[in-house]
Amino acid sequence: MGVHPALEELTRSRWSGQPPWDALHALADELGLPELDDFADIMRLSGEEGASVYTNLRARSAAMRTAMLNDEIAEANAIGERMTIPGSLLGVIFMALLVAPSLLRMFSNT
């Protein structure tokens, strides 16, 4: 089983003397992961300015969780909207089946 790319980058940065957040920025650019780039910024703040990592990471994870939930809700709403057309069509067919015998009787009597 291979080693995770982020761990490889962190190990490489440790041996080269490069700050770990720079290695994570490079990996985020290479893989196209803006979330990893945000994480690298938080880690840079904690390393350079002594900022609290815990509160920053909790806030970022809450924001990511909310964004993911909103995406899933939007997708569910889109699927629900697509289901209204078959439901409406089924209702029209059902009404036609109910009304058809009455209409046939009316036209056959005239």
Protein backbone atom coordinates (compact mmCIF):
# COMPACT_ATOMS: atom_id res chain seq x y z
CA MET A 1 0.00 0.00 0.00
CA GLY A 2 1.40 3.44 -0.98
CA VAL A 3 2.08 6.38 1.28
CA HIS A 4 -0.39 9.27 1.18
CA PRO A 5 0.87 12.15 -1.06
CA ALA A 6 0.48 14.73 1.73
CA LEU A 7 2.66 12.64 4.05
CA GLU A 8 5.26 12.29 1.32
CA GLU A 9 5.32 16.06 0.80
CA LEU A 10 5.58 16.73 4.54
CA THR A 11 8.43 14.24 4.89
CA ARG A 12 10.21 15.77 1.89
CA SER A 13 9.79 19.27 3.33
CA ARG A 14 11.20 18.17 6.69
CA TRP A 15 14.35 16.80 5.05
CA SER A 16 14.80 19.80 2.74
CA GLY A 17 14.23 22.39 5.47
CA GLN A 18 11.19 23.82 3.69
CA PRO A 19 8.25 24.87 5.89
CA PRO A 20 5.50 22.22 5.79
CA TRP A 21 2.83 24.73 4.76
CA ASP A 22 4.80 25.59 1.62
CA ALA A 23 4.91 21.89 0.72
CA LEU A 24 1.15 21.63 1.31
CA HIS A 25 0.54 24.72 -0.86
CA ALA A 26 2.54 23.11 -3.68
CA LEU A 27 0.63 19.84 -3.31
CA ALA A 28 -2.70 21.69 -3.26
CA ASP A 29 -1.77 23.46 -6.50
CA GLU A 30 -0.60 20.21 -8.09
CA LEU A 31 -3.75 18.26 -7.14
CA GLY A 32 -6.20 21.16 -7.50
CA LEU A 33 -7.44 20.95 -3.90
CA PRO A 34 -8.39 24.39 -2.54
CA GLU A 35 -9.30 22.84 0.82
CA LEU A 36 -5.72 21.63 1.28
CA ASP A 37 -4.53 25.11 0.41
CA ASP A 38 -6.77 26.56 3.16
CA PHE A 39 -5.37 24.01 5.60
CA ALA A 40 -1.83 25.05 4.64
CA ASP A 41 -2.73 28.70 5.34
CA ILE A 42 -4.05 27.79 8.78
CA MET A 43 -0.90 25.82 9.53
CA ARG A 44 1.26 28.75 8.34
CA LEU A 45 -0.58 31.11 10.69
CA SER A 46 -0.04 28.77 13.60
CA GLY A 47 3.64 28.34 12.78
CA GLU A 48 4.49 31.98 12.10
CA GLU A 49 2.14 33.87 14.37
CA GLY A 50 1.32 31.30 17.03
CA ALA A 51 -2.38 31.44 16.16
CA SER A 52 -4.68 28.83 17.64
CA VAL A 53 -4.92 25.98 15.17
CA TYR A 54 -7.78 24.24 16.90
CA THR A 55 -10.32 27.06 16.57
CA ASN A 56 -9.29 27.83 12.99
CA LEU A 57 -9.54 24.19 11.94
CA ARG A 58 -12.92 23.78 13.68
CA ALA A 59 -14.28 26.87 11.96
CA ARG A 60 -12.98 25.73 8.57
CA SER A 61 -14.36 22.21 9.00
CA ALA A 62 -17.76 23.62 10.00
CA ALA A 63 -17.77 25.81 6.89
CA MET A 64 -16.81 22.85 4.68
CA ARG A 65 -19.48 20.67 6.28
CA THR A 66 -22.12 23.36 5.69
CA ALA A 67 -21.03 23.76 2.06
CA MET A 68 -21.19 20.00 1.48
CA LEU A 69 -24.62 19.80 3.11
CA ASN A 70 -25.90 22.67 0.97
CA ASP A 71 -24.61 20.94 -2.17
CA GLU A 72 -26.37 17.72 -1.20
CA ILE A 73 -29.62 19.56 -0.44
CA ALA A 74 -29.47 21.34 -3.81
CA GLU A 75 -28.90 18.02 -5.58
CA ALA A 76 -31.81 16.41 -3.71
CA ASN A 77 -34.07 19.33 -4.63
CA ALA A 78 -33.09 19.03 -8.29
CA ILE A 79 -33.92 15.31 -8.25
CA GLY A 80 -37.22 16.02 -6.50
CA GLU A 81 -38.13 18.61 -9.14
CA ARG A 82 -37.39 16.12 -11.92
CA MET A 83 -39.75 13.63 -10.25
CA THR A 84 -42.74 16.01 -10.44
CA ILE A 85 -43.08 15.55 -14.21
CA PRO A 86 -43.58 11.74 -14.08
CA GLY A 87 -45.91 12.16 -11.09
CA SER A 88 -48.01 14.74 -12.91
CA LEU A 89 -48.14 12.59 -16.03
CA LEU A 90 -49.30 9.62 -13.94
CA GLY A 91 -52.06 11.79 -12.45
CA VAL A 92 -53.24 12.87 -15.91
CA ILE A 93 -53.32 9.26 -17.14
CA PHE A 94 -55.26 8.20 -14.04
CA MET A 95 -57.83 10.96 -14.56
CA ALA A 96 -58.17 10.00 -18.24
CA LEU A 97 -58.85 6.39 -17.23
CA LEU A 98 -61.55 7.55 -14.80
CA VAL A 99 -63.24 9.89 -17.27
CA ALA A 100 -62.94 7.72 -20.42
CA PRO A 101 -65.83 5.30 -19.64
CA SER A 102 -68.21 8.21 -18.96
CA LEU A 103 -67.25 9.94 -22.18
CA LEU A 104 -67.63 6.73 -24.17
CA ARG A 105 -71.13 6.21 -22.76
CA MET A 106 -72.11 9.78 -23.56
CA PHE A 107 -70.94 9.54 -27.16
CA SER A 108 -72.39 6.07 -27.72
CA ASN A 109 -75.88 7.20 -26.56
CA THR A 110 -76.06 10.07 -29.03
